[in-house]
């Protein structure tokens, strides 16, 4: 009975996760079998403070200050970087098995990002550990990026794409240096 409840909860979580994913919407051409998420980065602004001279200082003939200069402070805000939506590949919900999540928890624990037991559940503590690990690598998201799973040794790298890319580069004179 308890196993059925856990399985139902896992299916609900998988459906919820799938709803968060952008499946093939931002995928490059030819990536129909992959899962994607979008990293939404807010715009960055900075406040610029400028002092403008309103009344210059006044001094007498001996150089003694009679009246200090008066300044007006202007503050303006300018956009440093516009908001961005960056698509990135994630591990598909069907691949997020209990075994994979438990291995993920152990891998993150070995690196000091996860302190809980390896339960195989993608809970808040696991998501926080994923985010902390990925944030240090430029992906501030709690969705497991495919590159993170590969880096942690949980999923194999797609060597066929790398080989095809290097063969394509070699055909254009971008092969290895001699």
Protein backbone atom coordinates (compact mmCIF):
# COMPACT_ATOMS: atom_id res chain seq x y z
CA UNK A 1 0.00 0.00 0.00
CA UNK A 2 2.77 2.43 0.98
CA UNK A 3 4.65 1.68 -2.26
CA UNK A 4 1.54 2.64 -4.27
CA UNK A 5 1.29 6.00 -2.50
CA UNK A 6 4.99 6.70 -3.11
CA UNK A 7 4.64 5.72 -6.77
CA UNK A 8 1.60 8.00 -7.16
CA UNK A 9 3.48 10.88 -5.50
CA UNK A 10 6.43 10.27 -7.82
CA UNK A 11 4.15 10.31 -10.88
CA UNK A 12 2.55 13.58 -9.72
CA UNK A 13 6.01 15.08 -9.19
CA UNK A 14 7.10 13.89 -12.64
CA UNK A 15 4.03 15.48 -14.25
CA UNK A 16 4.68 18.72 -12.33
CA UNK A 17 8.31 18.70 -13.42
CA UNK A 18 7.34 18.02 -17.02
CA UNK A 19 5.01 21.02 -16.90
CA UNK A 20 7.96 23.19 -15.90
CA UNK A 21 10.07 21.97 -18.77
CA UNK A 22 10.04 23.53 -22.18
CA UNK A 23 9.91 20.42 -24.31
CA UNK A 24 11.40 21.09 -27.72
CA UNK A 25 10.12 24.71 -27.77
CA UNK A 26 13.59 26.23 -27.71
CA UNK A 27 15.44 23.16 -28.84
CA UNK A 28 17.78 23.56 -31.79
CA UNK A 29 16.83 21.86 -35.04
CA UNK A 30 17.27 18.10 -34.87
CA UNK A 31 16.83 17.86 -31.08
CA UNK A 32 13.30 16.46 -31.06
CA UNK A 33 14.05 13.76 -28.49
CA UNK A 34 15.48 16.05 -25.79
CA UNK A 35 14.09 17.95 -22.82
CA UNK A 36 14.77 21.61 -22.19
CA UNK A 37 14.25 24.17 -19.49
CA UNK A 38 14.62 27.91 -19.63
CA UNK A 39 16.85 29.87 -17.32
CA UNK A 40 15.23 33.26 -16.81
CA UNK A 41 17.75 35.88 -15.76
CA UNK A 42 16.36 39.25 -14.68
CA UNK A 43 17.66 42.48 -16.12
CA UNK A 44 20.51 44.08 -14.21
CA UNK A 45 20.49 47.76 -13.37
CA UNK A 46 22.93 50.09 -11.71
CA UNK A 47 22.44 53.45 -10.07
CA UNK A 48 24.78 56.17 -11.29
CA UNK A 49 25.33 59.09 -8.92
CA UNK A 50 26.71 62.30 -10.36
CA UNK A 51 27.59 65.56 -8.63
CA UNK A 52 26.95 68.69 -10.72
CA UNK A 53 28.31 72.09 -9.78
CA UNK A 54 25.47 74.56 -9.20
CA UNK A 55 27.34 77.50 -7.63
CA UNK A 56 31.13 77.70 -7.71
CA UNK A 57 33.09 78.47 -4.56
CA UNK A 58 33.99 82.06 -3.76
CA UNK A 59 37.31 83.17 -2.32
CA UNK A 60 38.65 86.57 -1.30
CA UNK A 61 41.84 88.12 -2.63
CA UNK A 62 44.00 86.22 -0.14
CA UNK A 63 42.52 82.86 -1.17
CA UNK A 64 40.37 82.46 1.94
CA UNK A 65 37.15 80.55 1.29
CA UNK A 66 34.12 82.82 1.57
CA UNK A 67 31.49 80.43 0.29
CA UNK A 68 31.90 76.72 -0.53
CA UNK A 69 30.75 75.39 -3.84
CA UNK A 70 27.25 74.00 -4.06
CA UNK A 71 26.53 70.79 -5.87
CA UNK A 72 23.37 69.08 -7.00
CA UNK A 73 23.29 65.28 -6.78
CA UNK A 74 21.75 63.47 -9.73
CA UNK A 75 20.89 59.80 -9.50
CA UNK A 76 19.95 57.85 -12.57
CA UNK A 77 19.34 54.19 -13.15
CA UNK A 78 20.60 52.48 -16.26
CA UNK A 79 20.22 48.98 -17.54
CA UNK A 80 23.49 47.07 -17.58
CA UNK A 81 22.12 43.82 -19.01
CA UNK A 82 18.64 43.12 -20.41
CA UNK A 83 16.53 40.24 -19.12
CA UNK A 84 17.47 36.96 -20.76
CA UNK A 85 15.85 33.62 -21.36
CA UNK A 86 18.50 30.97 -21.89
CA UNK A 87 17.35 27.48 -22.89
CA UNK A 88 19.40 24.57 -21.55
CA UNK A 89 19.08 20.81 -21.80
CA UNK A 90 17.84 18.99 -18.74
CA UNK A 91 17.50 15.37 -17.76
CA UNK A 92 14.10 14.22 -19.02
CA UNK A 93 11.52 13.22 -16.37
CA UNK A 94 11.53 9.60 -17.61
CA UNK A 95 15.26 9.42 -16.84
CA UNK A 96 14.84 10.74 -13.28
CA UNK A 97 14.42 7.31 -11.77
CA UNK A 98 14.76 6.61 -8.08
CA UNK A 99 18.18 5.05 -8.74
CA UNK A 100 19.41 8.05 -10.72
CA UNK A 101 18.22 10.52 -8.06
CA UNK A 102 19.84 8.42 -5.29
CA UNK A 103 23.11 8.40 -7.28
CA UNK A 104 22.74 12.17 -7.75
CA UNK A 105 22.29 12.62 -4.00
CA UNK A 106 25.40 10.53 -3.28
CA UNK A 107 27.44 12.45 -5.88
CA UNK A 108 26.37 15.80 -4.45
CA UNK A 109 27.03 14.57 -0.90
CA UNK A 110 30.55 13.47 -1.89
CA UNK A 111 31.19 17.02 -3.10
CA UNK A 112 29.74 18.64 0.03
CA UNK A 113 26.46 19.91 -1.45
CA UNK A 114 23.99 17.45 0.03
CA UNK A 115 23.81 16.39 3.66
CA UNK A 116 20.75 14.12 3.70
CA UNK A 117 20.29 10.43 3.14
CA UNK A 118 20.18 9.10 -0.42
CA UNK A 119 16.43 8.49 -0.59
CA UNK A 120 16.00 8.61 -4.36
CA UNK A 121 13.38 11.34 -4.00
CA UNK A 122 13.81 14.68 -5.75
CA UNK A 123 12.88 16.65 -2.62
CA UNK A 124 13.60 20.26 -1.61
CA UNK A 125 16.98 19.39 -0.04
CA UNK A 126 18.06 17.67 -3.27
CA UNK A 127 16.85 20.60 -5.37
CA UNK A 128 18.74 23.03 -3.12
CA UNK A 129 21.89 20.94 -3.55
CA UNK A 130 21.42 20.84 -7.34
CA UNK A 131 20.97 24.61 -7.41
CA UNK A 132 24.05 25.23 -5.24
CA UNK A 133 26.20 22.94 -7.40
CA UNK A 134 24.94 24.38 -10.69
CA UNK A 135 24.96 27.98 -9.47
CA UNK A 136 28.73 27.78 -9.02
CA UNK A 137 28.93 26.68 -12.65
CA UNK A 138 26.77 29.46 -14.08
CA UNK A 139 23.38 27.74 -14.13
CA UNK A 140 21.33 29.11 -11.20
CA UNK A 141 18.53 26.54 -11.47
CA UNK A 142 17.29 23.61 -9.41
CA UNK A 143 16.41 21.68 -12.56
CA UNK A 144 19.06 19.04 -13.24
CA UNK A 145 20.95 20.16 -16.34
CA UNK A 146 22.06 17.37 -18.63
CA UNK A 147 25.61 18.74 -18.49
CA UNK A 148 25.55 18.50 -14.67
CA UNK A 149 24.40 14.87 -14.77
CA UNK A 150 27.20 14.13 -17.24
CA UNK A 151 29.77 16.03 -15.17
CA UNK A 152 28.80 14.04 -12.09
CA UNK A 153 29.13 10.79 -14.05
CA UNK A 154 25.42 9.95 -13.83
CA UNK A 155 24.75 9.94 -17.57
CA UNK A 156 27.09 9.30 -20.49
CA UNK A 157 28.30 12.08 -22.74
CA UNK A 158 26.94 12.03 -26.29
CA UNK A 159 30.22 11.30 -28.03
CA UNK A 160 28.56 10.97 -31.44
CA UNK A 161 27.79 14.73 -31.43
CA UNK A 162 31.33 15.54 -30.30
CA UNK A 163 32.83 13.29 -32.97
CA UNK A 164 30.52 14.75 -35.64
CA UNK A 165 31.45 18.26 -34.48
CA UNK A 166 35.19 17.57 -34.62
CA UNK A 167 34.86 15.92 -38.06
CA UNK A 168 32.91 18.93 -39.29
CA UNK A 169 35.58 21.27 -37.84
CA UNK A 170 38.37 19.24 -39.46
CA UNK A 171 36.62 19.48 -42.83
CA UNK A 172 36.71 23.27 -42.46
CA UNK A 173 40.40 23.38 -41.50
CA UNK A 174 39.73 23.55 -37.77
CA UNK A 175 41.29 20.23 -36.88
CA UNK A 176 43.86 19.60 -34.18
CA UNK A 177 47.08 21.61 -34.32
CA UNK A 178 50.21 19.87 -35.44
